[in-house]
Amino acid sequence: MDKKIGFIGCGNMGQAMIGGIVKSGLVPPEQVYAADPSEQNLNRVQKEYGICVTQDNLVPAKKCDILVLSVKPYLYTDVIEEIRDTVKQDVVIVMIAAGQTIAVNEARFGRNIKIVRAMPNTPALVGEGMAALCANSYVTDEEKNEVREIFESFGKAEFVAENMMDVVAGVSGSSPAYVYMFIEALADGAVLQGMPRQQAYTFAAQAVLGSARMVLETGMHPGALKDMVCSPGGTTIEAVASLEQDGLRAAVIRAVDVCTEKSKAMSK
């Protein structure tokens, strides 16, 4: 990709994205710019990835063809006011903050501008992120593919309709927290039966990782994969019956539902 990619904000998610871009060879490090008020953050990414760093938001705004706003939602108004007269005419703005709609930020720029709204999740930090993307009508198909390439450099990405972004928050954006709780509970069960805790975390986490890959790589329905493990009268079906009795499935569905509703409320 022969584009300059810039970041305003260089926290955990920004650093994850920069790492993916550079490690994948998507663009050379000298074509990646990051601006952040924290010298510590800038020194870290400059030392590790060799990119261009600055504390001046206008530098990436002036130079970059794709500009990622990786700042907290409450900072969007101030950041856009600062850069809107400086960004290139055909720049693609990528927003990764929760609750930031395309329409609201088009209005903040005050002109026709290309915007891609993105919702990545924290496993991007280890190259296994899942990102939902949606774009306004000014973004070309080629530019959509370029943005998708960026997010696929540290995981998977799919375009969805913007009205699905709140659902994405429930099923992907926030769900790593649910999975961590499940892993912790699995490990607690093993500790209860005498397994050392660190070993229990390893067994539990690897089981979750492997199971997720089975879903993605086989294309089989999760229920069919579950049935493959459940021998008649065996240990697994005994455990599955216990989980059903205690409402695991209903609890997870409810968690996704309330998370989605909260995301909708934040977007208003």
C-alpha atoms as a PDB file:
ATOM      1  CA  MET A   1       0.000   0.000   0.000  1.00  0.00           C
ATOM      2  CA  ASP A   2       1.502   3.307  -1.067  1.00  0.00           C
ATOM      3  CA  LYS A   3      -0.167   5.443   1.572  1.00  0.00           C
ATOM      4  CA  LYS A   4       0.899   7.349   4.660  1.00  0.00           C
ATOM      5  CA  ILE A   5      -0.994   6.220   7.747  1.00  0.00           C
ATOM      6  CA  GLY A   6      -1.289   8.465  10.777  1.00  0.00           C
ATOM      7  CA  PHE A   7      -2.478   8.086  14.350  1.00  0.00           C
ATOM      8  CA  ILE A   8      -3.699  10.794  16.654  1.00  0.00           C
ATOM      9  CA  GLY A   9      -3.498   9.038  19.990  1.00  0.00           C
ATOM     10  CA  CYS A  10      -1.016   6.295  20.684  1.00  0.00           C
ATOM     11  CA  GLY A  11      -2.432   4.300  23.596  1.00  0.00           C
ATOM     12  CA  ASN A  12      -2.890   0.540  23.753  1.00  0.00           C
ATOM     13  CA  MET A  13      -5.141   0.231  20.704  1.00  0.00           C
ATOM     14  CA  GLY A  14      -3.105   2.665  18.638  1.00  0.00           C
ATOM     15  CA  GLN A  15       0.072   0.776  19.504  1.00  0.00           C
ATOM     16  CA  ALA A  16      -1.574  -2.543  18.626  1.00  0.00           C
ATOM     17  CA  MET A  17      -2.578  -1.190  15.228  1.00  0.00           C
ATOM     18  CA  ILE A  18       0.847   0.290  14.574  1.00  0.00           C
ATOM     19  CA  GLY A  19       2.489  -3.000  15.503  1.00  0.00           C
ATOM     20  CA  GLY A  20       0.251  -4.918  13.129  1.00  0.00           C
ATOM     21  CA  ILE A  21       0.847  -2.522  10.262  1.00  0.00           C
ATOM     22  CA  VAL A  22       4.637  -2.524  10.628  1.00  0.00           C
ATOM     23  CA  LYS A  23       5.074  -6.237  11.373  1.00  0.00           C
ATOM     24  CA  SER A  24       2.939  -7.226   8.390  1.00  0.00           C
ATOM     25  CA  GLY A  25       4.931  -5.013   6.049  1.00  0.00           C
ATOM     26  CA  LEU A  26       1.743  -3.278   4.902  1.00  0.00           C
ATOM     27  CA  VAL A  27       3.660  -0.006   4.658  1.00  0.00           C
ATOM     28  CA  PRO A  28       7.263   0.877   5.596  1.00  0.00           C
ATOM     29  CA  PRO A  29       7.751   2.338   9.104  1.00  0.00           C
ATOM     30  CA  GLU A  30       8.699   5.730   7.670  1.00  0.00           C
ATOM     31  CA  GLN A  31       5.171   6.002   6.228  1.00  0.00           C
ATOM     32  CA  VAL A  32       3.538   5.645   9.654  1.00  0.00           C
ATOM     33  CA  TYR A  33       3.078   8.713  11.878  1.00  0.00           C
ATOM     34  CA  ALA A  34       1.897   8.904  15.478  1.00  0.00           C
ATOM     35  CA  ALA A  35       1.008  11.943  17.582  1.00  0.00           C
ATOM     36  CA  ASP A  36       0.429  11.729  21.320  1.00  0.00           C
ATOM     37  CA  PRO A  37       0.972  14.019  24.326  1.00  0.00           C
ATOM     38  CA  SER A  38       2.811  11.203  26.136  1.00  0.00           C
ATOM     39  CA  GLU A  39       6.535  11.112  25.410  1.00  0.00           C
ATOM     40  CA  GLN A  40       6.641   7.652  26.984  1.00  0.00           C
ATOM     41  CA  ASN A  41       4.127   6.268  24.464  1.00  0.00           C
ATOM     42  CA  LEU A  42       5.925   7.916  21.561  1.00  0.00           C
ATOM     43  CA  ASN A  43       9.347   6.718  22.642  1.00  0.00           C
ATOM     44  CA  ARG A  44       8.026   3.169  22.963  1.00  0.00           C
ATOM     45  CA  VAL A  45       6.581   2.960  19.447  1.00  0.00           C
ATOM     46  CA  GLN A  46       9.485   4.830  17.881  1.00  0.00           C
ATOM     47  CA  LYS A  47      12.015   2.495  19.466  1.00  0.00           C
ATOM     48  CA  GLU A  48      10.058  -0.697  18.729  1.00  0.00           C
ATOM     49  CA  TYR A  49       8.760   0.066  15.242  1.00  0.00           C
ATOM     50  CA  GLY A  50      10.893   2.920  13.876  1.00  0.00           C
ATOM     51  CA  ILE A  51       7.908   5.084  12.915  1.00  0.00           C
ATOM     52  CA  CYS A  52       7.713   8.885  12.850  1.00  0.00           C
ATOM     53  CA  VAL A  53       6.512  10.385  16.143  1.00  0.00           C
ATOM     54  CA  THR A  54       5.473  13.836  17.303  1.00  0.00           C
ATOM     55  CA  GLN A  55       3.482  15.606  20.006  1.00  0.00           C
ATOM     56  CA  ASP A  56       1.874  17.838  17.367  1.00  0.00           C
ATOM     57  CA  ASN A  57      -1.444  16.491  16.021  1.00  0.00           C
ATOM     58  CA  LEU A  58      -1.124  18.679  12.932  1.00  0.00           C
ATOM     59  CA  VAL A  59       1.880  16.720  11.638  1.00  0.00           C
ATOM     60  CA  PRO A  60       0.017  13.492  10.819  1.00  0.00           C
ATOM     61  CA  ALA A  61      -3.024  15.573   9.871  1.00  0.00           C
ATOM     62  CA  LYS A  62      -1.021  17.346   7.152  1.00  0.00           C
ATOM     63  CA  LYS A  63       0.933  14.359   5.880  1.00  0.00           C
ATOM     64  CA  CYS A  64      -1.307  11.291   6.039  1.00  0.00           C
ATOM     65  CA  ASP A  65      -3.740   9.752   3.566  1.00  0.00           C
ATOM     66  CA  ILE A  66      -5.419   7.595   6.218  1.00  0.00           C
ATOM     67  CA  LEU A  67      -5.767   9.156   9.666  1.00  0.00           C
ATOM     68  CA  VAL A  68      -6.818   7.096  12.689  1.00  0.00           C
ATOM     69  CA  LEU A  69      -8.396   8.979  15.595  1.00  0.00           C
ATOM     70  CA  SER A  70      -7.486   6.693  18.481  1.00  0.00           C
ATOM     71  CA  VAL A  71      -8.389   9.034  21.325  1.00  0.00           C
ATOM     72  CA  LYS A  72     -11.085   8.840  23.996  1.00  0.00           C
ATOM     73  CA  PRO A  73     -14.620   9.672  22.792  1.00  0.00           C
ATOM     74  CA  TYR A  74     -14.833  12.902  24.797  1.00  0.00           C
ATOM     75  CA  LEU A  75     -11.756  14.251  22.972  1.00  0.00           C
ATOM     76  CA  TYR A  76     -13.208  13.913  19.471  1.00  0.00           C
ATOM     77  CA  THR A  77     -14.769  17.380  19.425  1.00  0.00           C
ATOM     78  CA  ASP A  78     -11.509  19.138  20.349  1.00  0.00           C
ATOM     79  CA  VAL A  79      -9.275  16.995  18.125  1.00  0.00           C
ATOM     80  CA  ILE A  80     -11.477  17.449  15.054  1.00  0.00           C
ATOM     81  CA  GLU A  81     -11.719  21.191  15.648  1.00  0.00           C
ATOM     82  CA  GLU A  82      -7.921  21.290  15.761  1.00  0.00           C
ATOM     83  CA  ILE A  83      -7.279  19.280  12.572  1.00  0.00           C
ATOM     84  CA  ARG A  84     -10.306  19.824  10.318  1.00  0.00           C
ATOM     85  CA  ASP A  85      -8.741  22.702   8.332  1.00  0.00           C
ATOM     86  CA  THR A  86      -5.399  20.891   8.052  1.00  0.00           C
ATOM     87  CA  VAL A  87      -6.238  17.368   6.860  1.00  0.00           C
ATOM     88  CA  LYS A  88      -5.923  16.535   3.164  1.00  0.00           C
ATOM     89  CA  GLN A  89      -9.004  17.031   1.021  1.00  0.00           C
ATOM     90  CA  ASP A  90      -9.282  13.296   0.242  1.00  0.00           C
ATOM     91  CA  VAL A  91      -8.097  11.939   3.600  1.00  0.00           C
ATOM     92  CA  VAL A  92      -9.845   8.875   5.024  1.00  0.00           C
ATOM     93  CA  ILE A  93     -10.656   9.395   8.701  1.00  0.00           C
ATOM     94  CA  VAL A  94     -10.842   6.177  10.754  1.00  0.00           C
ATOM     95  CA  MET A  95     -12.693   6.479  14.075  1.00  0.00           C
ATOM     96  CA  ILE A  96     -12.212   3.792  16.730  1.00  0.00           C
ATOM     97  CA  ALA A  97     -14.065   5.346  19.682  1.00  0.00           C
ATOM     98  CA  ALA A  98     -17.275   3.853  21.050  1.00  0.00           C
ATOM     99  CA  GLY A  99     -20.454   5.837  20.472  1.00  0.00           C
ATOM    100  CA  GLN A 100     -18.973   8.053  17.751  1.00  0.00           C
ATOM    101  CA  THR A 101     -21.381   7.976  14.817  1.00  0.00           C
ATOM    102  CA  ILE A 102     -20.475   8.875  11.253  1.00  0.00           C
ATOM    103  CA  ALA A 103     -23.139  11.606  11.013  1.00  0.00           C
ATOM    104  CA  VAL A 104     -22.015  13.402  14.164  1.00  0.00           C
ATOM    105  CA  ASN A 105     -18.407  13.513  13.030  1.00  0.00           C
ATOM    106  CA  GLU A 106     -19.242  14.549   9.461  1.00  0.00           C
ATOM    107  CA  ALA A 107     -20.942  17.552  11.050  1.00  0.00           C
ATOM    108  CA  ARG A 108     -17.882  18.280  13.198  1.00  0.00           C
ATOM    109  CA  PHE A 109     -15.682  18.431  10.092  1.00  0.00           C
ATOM    110  CA  GLY A 110     -18.239  20.672   8.424  1.00  0.00           C
ATOM    111  CA  ARG A 111     -17.673  19.327   4.918  1.00  0.00           C
ATOM    112  CA  ASN A 112     -17.897  16.205   2.807  1.00  0.00           C
ATOM    113  CA  ILE A 113     -15.234  13.939   4.272  1.00  0.00           C
ATOM    114  CA  LYS A 114     -14.444  10.237   4.024  1.00  0.00           C
ATOM    115  CA  ILE A 115     -15.081   8.457   7.315  1.00  0.00           C
ATOM    116  CA  VAL A 116     -14.728   4.828   8.335  1.00  0.00           C
ATOM    117  CA  ARG A 117     -16.114   3.924  11.733  1.00  0.00           C
ATOM    118  CA  ALA A 118     -14.335   0.968  13.333  1.00  0.00           C
ATOM    119  CA  MET A 119     -14.803  -1.124  16.423  1.00  0.00           C
ATOM    120  CA  PRO A 120     -11.759  -3.302  17.153  1.00  0.00           C
ATOM    121  CA  ASN A 121     -11.246  -5.265  20.363  1.00  0.00           C
ATOM    122  CA  THR A 122      -8.340  -5.733  22.742  1.00  0.00           C
ATOM    123  CA  PRO A 123      -7.068  -9.088  21.351  1.00  0.00           C
ATOM    124  CA  ALA A 124      -5.630  -6.870  18.622  1.00  0.00           C
ATOM    125  CA  LEU A 125      -2.772  -6.463  21.109  1.00  0.00           C
ATOM    126  CA  VAL A 126      -1.723 -10.067  20.366  1.00  0.00           C
ATOM    127  CA  GLY A 127      -2.603 -10.049  16.665  1.00  0.00           C
ATOM    128  CA  GLU A 128      -5.989 -11.743  17.124  1.00  0.00           C
ATOM    129  CA  GLY A 129      -8.356  -8.787  16.997  1.00  0.00           C
ATOM    130  CA  MET A 130     -11.831  -8.691  15.506  1.00  0.00           C
ATOM    131  CA  ALA A 131     -12.936  -5.394  13.993  1.00  0.00           C
ATOM    132  CA  ALA A 132     -16.239  -4.236  12.556  1.00  0.00           C
ATOM    133  CA  LEU A 133     -16.050  -1.482   9.950  1.00  0.00           C
ATOM    134  CA  CYS A 134     -18.603   0.764   8.273  1.00  0.00           C
ATOM    135  CA  ALA A 135     -18.030   3.632   5.868  1.00  0.00           C
ATOM    136  CA  ASN A 136     -19.903   6.653   4.590  1.00  0.00           C
ATOM    137  CA  SER A 137     -20.743   7.097   0.914  1.00  0.00           C
ATOM    138  CA  TYR A 138     -17.626   9.151   0.141  1.00  0.00           C
ATOM    139  CA  VAL A 139     -15.247   6.227   0.796  1.00  0.00           C
ATOM    140  CA  THR A 140     -14.414   4.310  -2.389  1.00  0.00           C
ATOM    141  CA  ASP A 141     -14.278   0.511  -2.614  1.00  0.00           C
ATOM    142  CA  GLU A 142     -10.504   0.711  -2.997  1.00  0.00           C
ATOM    143  CA  GLU A 143     -10.211   2.800   0.166  1.00  0.00           C
ATOM    144  CA  LYS A 144     -12.475   0.379   2.036  1.00  0.00           C
ATOM    145  CA  ASN A 145     -10.140  -2.444   1.066  1.00  0.00           C
ATOM    146  CA  GLU A 146      -7.131  -0.440   2.249  1.00  0.00           C
ATOM    147  CA  VAL A 147      -8.727   0.183   5.643  1.00  0.00           C
ATOM    148  CA  ARG A 148      -9.696  -3.482   5.879  1.00  0.00           C
ATOM    149  CA  GLU A 149      -6.062  -4.416   5.169  1.00  0.00           C
ATOM    150  CA  ILE A 150      -4.958  -2.278   8.097  1.00  0.00           C
ATOM    151  CA  PHE A 151      -7.259  -4.061  10.528  1.00  0.00           C
ATOM    152  CA  GLU A 152      -6.512  -7.487   9.065  1.00  0.00           C
ATOM    153  CA  SER A 153      -2.834  -6.913   9.790  1.00  0.00           C
ATOM    154  CA  PHE A 154      -3.650  -7.673  13.446  1.00  0.00           C
ATOM    155  CA  GLY A 155      -6.682  -9.955  13.199  1.00  0.00           C
ATOM    156  CA  LYS A 156      -9.909 -10.150  11.233  1.00  0.00           C
ATOM    157  CA  ALA A 157     -12.213  -7.422   9.955  1.00  0.00           C
ATOM    158  CA  GLU A 158     -15.614  -7.236   8.314  1.00  0.00           C
ATOM    159  CA  PHE A 159     -17.785  -4.413   7.015  1.00  0.00           C
ATOM    160  CA  VAL A 160     -21.244  -4.153   8.567  1.00  0.00           C
ATOM    161  CA  ALA A 161     -24.119  -1.687   8.386  1.00  0.00           C
ATOM    162  CA  GLU A 162     -23.685   1.147  10.900  1.00  0.00           C
ATOM    163  CA  ASN A 163     -26.857   0.120  12.743  1.00  0.00           C
ATOM    164  CA  MET A 164     -25.076  -3.151  13.593  1.00  0.00           C
ATOM    165  CA  MET A 165     -22.200  -1.425  15.411  1.00  0.00           C
ATOM    166  CA  ASP A 166     -24.015  -1.509  18.748  1.00  0.00           C
ATOM    167  CA  VAL A 167     -24.544  -5.257  18.363  1.00  0.00           C
ATOM    168  CA  VAL A 168     -20.844  -5.607  17.566  1.00  0.00           C
ATOM    169  CA  ALA A 169     -20.100  -3.987  20.931  1.00  0.00           C
ATOM    170  CA  GLY A 170     -22.005  -6.783  22.644  1.00  0.00           C
ATOM    171  CA  VAL A 171     -20.733  -9.754  20.669  1.00  0.00           C
ATOM    172  CA  SER A 172     -17.138  -8.686  19.949  1.00  0.00           C
ATOM    173  CA  GLY A 173     -16.052  -5.328  21.352  1.00  0.00           C
ATOM    174  CA  SER A 174     -16.840  -6.124  24.990  1.00  0.00           C
ATOM    175  CA  SER A 175     -16.953  -9.912  24.881  1.00  0.00           C
ATOM    176  CA  PRO A 176     -13.270 -10.519  25.670  1.00  0.00           C
ATOM    177  CA  ALA A 177     -14.242  -9.552  29.244  1.00  0.00           C
ATOM    178  CA  TYR A 178     -16.873 -12.295  29.301  1.00  0.00           C
ATOM    179  CA  VAL A 179     -14.370 -14.822  27.965  1.00  0.00           C
ATOM    180  CA  TYR A 180     -11.791 -13.839  30.586  1.00  0.00           C
ATOM    181  CA  MET A 181     -14.427 -14.433  33.263  1.00  0.00           C
ATOM    182  CA  PHE A 182     -15.147 -17.865  31.769  1.00  0.00           C
ATOM    183  CA  ILE A 183     -11.432 -18.749  31.692  1.00  0.00           C
ATOM    184  CA  GLU A 184     -11.054 -17.604  35.281  1.00  0.00           C
ATOM    185  CA  ALA A 185     -14.047 -19.719  36.323  1.00  0.00           C
ATOM    186  CA  LEU A 186     -12.700 -22.779  34.480  1.00  0.00           C
ATOM    187  CA  ALA A 187      -9.375 -22.352  36.244  1.00  0.00           C
ATOM    188  CA  ASP A 188     -11.086 -21.921  39.631  1.00  0.00           C
ATOM    189  CA  GLY A 189     -12.856 -25.223  39.068  1.00  0.00           C
ATOM    190  CA  ALA A 190      -9.541 -26.918  38.356  1.00  0.00           C
ATOM    191  CA  VAL A 191      -7.937 -25.305  41.425  1.00  0.00           C
ATOM    192  CA  LEU A 192     -10.856 -26.567  43.496  1.00  0.00           C
ATOM    193  CA  GLN A 193      -9.865 -30.062  42.383  1.00  0.00           C
ATOM    194  CA  GLY A 194      -6.203 -29.524  43.281  1.00  0.00           C
ATOM    195  CA  MET A 195      -4.513 -28.211  40.134  1.00  0.00           C
ATOM    196  CA  PRO A 196      -1.914 -25.417  40.644  1.00  0.00           C
ATOM    197  CA  ARG A 197      -3.441 -22.091  39.614  1.00  0.00           C
ATOM    198  CA  GLN A 198      -0.986 -21.065  36.893  1.00  0.00           C
ATOM    199  CA  GLN A 199      -1.256 -24.471  35.279  1.00  0.00           C
ATOM    200  CA  ALA A 200      -5.040 -24.235  35.491  1.00  0.00           C
ATOM    201  CA  TYR A 201      -4.984 -20.900  33.611  1.00  0.00           C
ATOM    202  CA  THR A 202      -2.862 -22.473  30.872  1.00  0.00           C
ATOM    203  CA  PHE A 203      -5.186 -25.442  30.414  1.00  0.00           C
ATOM    204  CA  ALA A 204      -8.304 -23.253  30.461  1.00  0.00           C
ATOM    205  CA  ALA A 205      -6.986 -20.559  28.125  1.00  0.00           C
ATOM    206  CA  GLN A 206      -5.601 -23.013  25.587  1.00  0.00           C
ATOM    207  CA  ALA A 207      -8.902 -24.912  25.572  1.00  0.00           C
ATOM    208  CA  VAL A 208     -10.770 -21.687  24.762  1.00  0.00           C
ATOM    209  CA  LEU A 209      -8.241 -20.714  22.083  1.00  0.00           C
ATOM    210  CA  GLY A 210      -8.375 -24.120  20.437  1.00  0.00           C
ATOM    211  CA  SER A 211     -12.165 -24.250  20.550  1.00  0.00           C
ATOM    212  CA  ALA A 212     -12.433 -20.829  18.903  1.00  0.00           C
ATOM    213  CA  ARG A 213     -10.090 -21.909  16.111  1.00  0.00           C
ATOM    214  CA  MET A 214     -12.189 -25.020  15.560  1.00  0.00           C
ATOM    215  CA  VAL A 215     -15.254 -22.826  14.947  1.00  0.00           C
ATOM    216  CA  LEU A 216     -13.412 -20.502  12.572  1.00  0.00           C
ATOM    217  CA  GLU A 217     -11.399 -23.069  10.645  1.00  0.00           C
ATOM    218  CA  THR A 218     -13.925 -25.898  10.278  1.00  0.00           C
ATOM    219  CA  GLY A 219     -16.922 -23.692   9.540  1.00  0.00           C
ATOM    220  CA  MET A 220     -19.023 -26.125  11.555  1.00  0.00           C
ATOM    221  CA  HIS A 221     -21.901 -25.003  13.765  1.00  0.00           C
ATOM    222  CA  PRO A 222     -20.761 -24.601  17.395  1.00  0.00           C
ATOM    223  CA  GLY A 223     -23.546 -26.944  18.478  1.00  0.00           C
ATOM    224  CA  ALA A 224     -22.234 -29.685  16.172  1.00  0.00           C
ATOM    225  CA  LEU A 225     -18.732 -29.258  17.566  1.00  0.00           C
ATOM    226  CA  LYS A 226     -20.148 -29.466  21.093  1.00  0.00           C
ATOM    227  CA  ASP A 227     -21.962 -32.699  20.201  1.00  0.00           C
ATOM    228  CA  MET A 228     -18.690 -34.213  18.975  1.00  0.00           C
ATOM    229  CA  VAL A 229     -17.276 -33.902  22.501  1.00  0.00           C
ATOM    230  CA  CYS A 230     -20.371 -35.216  24.294  1.00  0.00           C
ATOM    231  CA  SER A 231     -20.191 -38.996  24.472  1.00  0.00           C
ATOM    232  CA  PRO A 232     -23.410 -40.699  25.657  1.00  0.00           C
ATOM    233  CA  GLY A 233     -23.411 -40.940  29.427  1.00  0.00           C
ATOM    234  CA  GLY A 234     -19.960 -39.358  29.588  1.00  0.00           C
ATOM    235  CA  THR A 235     -18.283 -36.645  31.602  1.00  0.00           C
ATOM    236  CA  THR A 236     -18.818 -33.826  29.102  1.00  0.00           C
ATOM    237  CA  ILE A 237     -22.579 -34.191  28.726  1.00  0.00           C
ATOM    238  CA  GLU A 238     -22.815 -34.292  32.521  1.00  0.00           C
ATOM    239  CA  ALA A 239     -21.023 -30.942  32.652  1.00  0.00           C
ATOM    240  CA  VAL A 240     -23.117 -29.509  29.787  1.00  0.00           C
ATOM    241  CA  ALA A 241     -26.308 -30.473  31.582  1.00  0.00           C
ATOM    242  CA  SER A 242     -25.065 -28.690  34.694  1.00  0.00           C
ATOM    243  CA  LEU A 243     -24.273 -25.528  32.698  1.00  0.00           C
ATOM    244  CA  GLU A 244     -27.742 -25.581  31.126  1.00  0.00           C
ATOM    245  CA  GLN A 245     -29.347 -26.028  34.550  1.00  0.00           C
ATOM    246  CA  ASP A 246     -27.434 -23.032  35.892  1.00  0.00           C
ATOM    247  CA  GLY A 247     -28.406 -20.834  32.919  1.00  0.00           C
ATOM    248  CA  LEU A 248     -25.038 -20.251  31.239  1.00  0.00           C
ATOM    249  CA  ARG A 249     -26.555 -19.746  27.801  1.00  0.00           C
ATOM    250  CA  ALA A 250     -29.263 -17.353  29.025  1.00  0.00           C
ATOM    251  CA  ALA A 251     -26.734 -15.371  31.077  1.00  0.00           C
ATOM    252  CA  VAL A 252     -24.477 -14.842  28.041  1.00  0.00           C
ATOM    253  CA  ILE A 253     -27.384 -13.851  25.787  1.00  0.00           C
ATOM    254  CA  ARG A 254     -28.497 -11.353  28.424  1.00  0.00           C
ATOM    255  CA  ALA A 255     -24.975  -9.931  28.703  1.00  0.00           C
ATOM    256  CA  VAL A 256     -24.812  -9.308  24.941  1.00  0.00           C
ATOM    257  CA  ASP A 257     -28.273  -7.734  25.058  1.00  0.00           C
ATOM    258  CA  VAL A 258     -27.552  -5.284  27.887  1.00  0.00           C
ATOM    259  CA  CYS A 259     -24.168  -4.369  26.398  1.00  0.00           C
ATOM    260  CA  THR A 260     -25.833  -3.605  23.061  1.00  0.00           C
ATOM    261  CA  GLU A 261     -28.496  -1.456  24.720  1.00  0.00           C
ATOM    262  CA  LYS A 262     -25.822   0.480  26.642  1.00  0.00           C
ATOM    263  CA  SER A 263     -23.936   1.103  23.393  1.00  0.00           C
ATOM    264  CA  LYS A 264     -27.120   2.420  21.768  1.00  0.00           C
ATOM    265  CA  ALA A 265     -27.627   4.797  24.681  1.00  0.00           C
ATOM    266  CA  MET A 266     -24.048   6.096  24.383  1.00  0.00           C
ATOM    267  CA  SER A 267     -24.553   6.857  20.692  1.00  0.00           C
ATOM    268  CA  LYS A 268     -27.486   9.204  21.334  1.00  0.00           C
END
